[in-house]
């Protein structure tokens, strides 16, 4: 079952589309992530999500949501695409999430990420949220601590830069 918080993350596309991967200068140009099939790009996104899961470092459960494919703004939709991967982490105990965002902020930086935003989000609950870019991997992530959810959880939304489909291949949309 997909939680409503995951659907709320889809609204994050607008933020991350503007932020982009490696877009610390805030230009609206989304970086080029290379040539790939959509399935291989989705596998890469899942691998990065798994690395983030490991950085969370807590016992718990991640939602089982596969990555999806979206258009790459301002580029030919038949040749270019991006991959997004929304998922939720629910710890074994809600109290386990205390302090996890500060630790994630530090651990992400130690692992090549640049924090581009950290603080309360614009929701009614003012959830603590961080946005980070990994220039080498051409991905951005937004992680939100939903402290008022029952149980409390982390919403994670990963999005890639623009991929170009190899010659002779078609973008698979899923």
Protein backbone atom coordinates (compact mmCIF):
# COMPACT_ATOMS: atom_id res chain seq x y z
CA UNK A 1 0.00 0.00 0.00
CA UNK A 2 1.33 3.42 -0.94
CA UNK A 3 1.08 5.91 1.93
CA UNK A 4 -0.27 9.39 1.39
CA UNK A 5 3.14 10.79 2.34
CA UNK A 6 4.62 9.15 -0.75
CA UNK A 7 2.03 10.89 -2.89
CA UNK A 8 2.98 14.15 -1.21
CA UNK A 9 6.53 13.50 -2.34
CA UNK A 10 5.44 13.60 -5.94
CA UNK A 11 4.87 17.29 -5.30
CA UNK A 12 8.58 17.45 -4.60
CA UNK A 13 9.24 16.98 -8.31
CA UNK A 14 8.76 20.71 -8.76
CA UNK A 15 11.36 21.52 -6.08
CA UNK A 16 13.89 18.99 -7.28
CA UNK A 17 13.31 19.87 -10.91
CA UNK A 18 14.29 23.43 -10.06
CA UNK A 19 17.13 22.36 -7.77
CA UNK A 20 18.35 19.71 -10.17
CA UNK A 21 21.39 17.55 -9.78
CA UNK A 22 24.52 19.54 -9.30
CA UNK A 23 22.55 22.73 -9.63
CA UNK A 24 23.91 24.63 -6.69
CA UNK A 25 23.84 27.74 -8.86
CA UNK A 26 20.05 27.29 -9.18
CA UNK A 27 19.96 27.41 -12.96
CA UNK A 28 17.05 25.50 -14.44
CA UNK A 29 19.24 23.36 -16.70
CA UNK A 30 19.05 19.73 -15.60
CA UNK A 31 22.47 18.04 -15.92
CA UNK A 32 23.12 15.32 -18.47
CA UNK A 33 23.44 11.90 -16.81
CA UNK A 34 24.68 9.95 -19.85
CA UNK A 35 23.17 7.42 -22.22
CA UNK A 36 21.09 4.59 -20.78
CA UNK A 37 18.00 2.52 -21.20
CA UNK A 38 15.22 3.39 -18.79
CA UNK A 39 15.53 0.02 -17.04
CA UNK A 40 19.27 0.44 -16.44
CA UNK A 41 18.73 4.00 -15.19
CA UNK A 42 16.01 2.73 -12.84
CA UNK A 43 18.41 0.08 -11.53
CA UNK A 44 20.99 2.84 -10.84
CA UNK A 45 18.36 4.87 -8.97
CA UNK A 46 17.50 1.86 -6.81
CA UNK A 47 21.20 1.36 -6.05
CA UNK A 48 21.54 4.99 -4.89
CA UNK A 49 18.35 4.62 -2.83
CA UNK A 50 19.87 1.53 -1.23
CA UNK A 51 22.98 3.52 -0.33
CA UNK A 52 20.77 6.15 1.33
CA UNK A 53 18.88 3.39 3.16
CA UNK A 54 22.22 2.14 4.51
CA UNK A 55 23.10 5.68 5.67
CA UNK A 56 19.84 5.84 7.65
CA UNK A 57 21.42 3.11 9.74
CA UNK A 58 18.31 2.03 11.63
CA UNK A 59 16.26 -1.14 11.80
CA UNK A 60 12.98 -0.69 10.00
CA UNK A 61 11.24 -1.18 6.70
CA UNK A 62 11.34 0.64 3.38
CA UNK A 63 8.25 0.74 1.17
CA UNK A 64 8.45 -1.44 -1.92
CA UNK A 65 8.01 1.12 -4.68
CA UNK A 66 9.83 0.79 -7.99
CA UNK A 67 11.33 3.81 -9.75
CA UNK A 68 9.39 5.60 -12.47
CA UNK A 69 10.28 7.45 -15.65
CA UNK A 70 9.41 11.08 -16.36
CA UNK A 71 10.12 13.61 -19.08
CA UNK A 72 13.25 15.69 -19.03
CA UNK A 73 12.00 19.27 -19.20
CA UNK A 74 12.78 21.25 -22.33
CA UNK A 75 14.19 18.19 -24.12
CA UNK A 76 12.76 15.83 -26.74
CA UNK A 77 10.57 13.34 -24.82
CA UNK A 78 11.39 10.61 -27.35
CA UNK A 79 15.14 10.88 -26.70
CA UNK A 80 15.56 12.11 -23.10
CA UNK A 81 14.13 11.05 -19.75
CA UNK A 82 14.68 11.21 -16.01
CA UNK A 83 14.14 8.56 -13.36
CA UNK A 84 12.49 9.20 -10.00
CA UNK A 85 12.26 6.89 -6.99
CA UNK A 86 9.91 7.76 -4.11
CA UNK A 87 9.97 5.57 -1.02
CA UNK A 88 9.28 5.70 2.69
CA UNK A 89 11.34 4.39 5.59
CA UNK A 90 9.49 3.42 8.76
CA UNK A 91 11.74 2.55 11.71
CA UNK A 92 11.06 -0.39 14.02
CA UNK A 93 10.37 2.23 16.72
CA UNK A 94 9.14 5.78 15.99
CA UNK A 95 11.51 7.27 18.55
CA UNK A 96 14.45 5.88 16.58
CA UNK A 97 14.21 8.79 14.14
CA UNK A 98 15.22 11.39 16.73
CA UNK A 99 18.44 12.97 15.48
CA UNK A 100 18.54 10.96 12.24
CA UNK A 101 18.25 14.02 9.99
CA UNK A 102 21.27 15.73 11.52
CA UNK A 103 23.26 12.51 11.21
CA UNK A 104 22.08 12.02 7.60
CA UNK A 105 23.10 15.57 6.78
CA UNK A 106 26.64 14.81 7.96
CA UNK A 107 26.86 11.32 6.48
CA UNK A 108 25.57 12.41 3.07
CA UNK A 109 28.32 15.04 2.88
CA UNK A 110 30.93 12.41 3.85
CA UNK A 111 29.66 10.34 0.91
CA UNK A 112 29.96 12.97 -1.81
CA UNK A 113 26.60 14.74 -1.48
CA UNK A 114 26.17 18.52 -1.28
CA UNK A 115 23.40 19.75 0.99
CA UNK A 116 21.50 22.47 -0.88
CA UNK A 117 18.64 22.94 1.56
CA UNK A 118 18.04 21.94 5.19
CA UNK A 119 15.20 23.04 7.45
CA UNK A 120 11.44 23.01 7.86
CA UNK A 121 9.41 22.36 4.73
CA UNK A 122 6.42 24.45 3.66
CA UNK A 123 3.80 21.98 4.91
CA UNK A 124 1.40 22.72 7.74
CA UNK A 125 3.47 20.42 9.99
CA UNK A 126 6.78 22.16 9.11
CA UNK A 127 8.49 18.78 8.69
CA UNK A 128 12.29 18.80 8.77
CA UNK A 129 13.53 18.31 5.22
CA UNK A 130 16.85 18.19 3.42
CA UNK A 131 17.69 18.35 -0.26
CA UNK A 132 21.06 17.13 -1.50
CA UNK A 133 22.79 16.75 -4.87
CA UNK A 134 25.40 14.20 -5.87
CA UNK A 135 27.19 15.74 -8.85
CA UNK A 136 29.14 12.61 -9.78
CA UNK A 137 26.07 10.35 -9.76
CA UNK A 138 23.85 13.05 -11.31
CA UNK A 139 21.07 12.60 -8.76
CA UNK A 140 19.24 14.72 -6.22
CA UNK A 141 17.40 13.55 -3.14
CA UNK A 142 14.86 15.13 -0.85
CA UNK A 143 14.40 13.47 2.55
CA UNK A 144 11.60 14.58 4.85
CA UNK A 145 11.16 13.58 8.49
CA UNK A 146 7.41 13.22 9.07
CA UNK A 147 7.53 13.42 12.86
CA UNK A 148 3.76 13.85 13.23
CA UNK A 149 2.85 10.76 11.20
CA UNK A 150 1.76 7.73 13.17
CA UNK A 151 4.18 6.07 13.02
CA UNK A 152 6.81 8.70 12.28
CA UNK A 153 8.70 8.03 9.06
CA UNK A 154 11.13 9.38 6.48
CA UNK A 155 9.92 10.15 2.97
CA UNK A 156 12.64 9.88 0.36
CA UNK A 157 12.39 11.20 -3.20
CA UNK A 158 15.33 10.57 -5.52
CA UNK A 159 15.51 12.02 -9.05
CA UNK A 160 18.16 11.67 -11.73
CA UNK A 161 19.58 14.06 -14.26
CA UNK A 162 18.57 13.69 -17.92
CA UNK A 163 19.45 10.46 -19.65
CA UNK A 164 19.56 10.03 -23.41
CA UNK A 165 18.16 6.80 -24.78
CA UNK A 166 20.76 4.91 -26.88
CA UNK A 167 20.25 4.80 -30.66
CA UNK A 168 17.84 2.03 -31.67
CA UNK A 169 16.20 1.92 -28.21
CA UNK A 170 12.88 3.35 -27.02
CA UNK A 171 12.17 4.89 -23.65
CA UNK A 172 10.11 2.54 -21.54
CA UNK A 173 7.72 4.53 -19.35
CA UNK A 174 6.83 2.96 -16.03
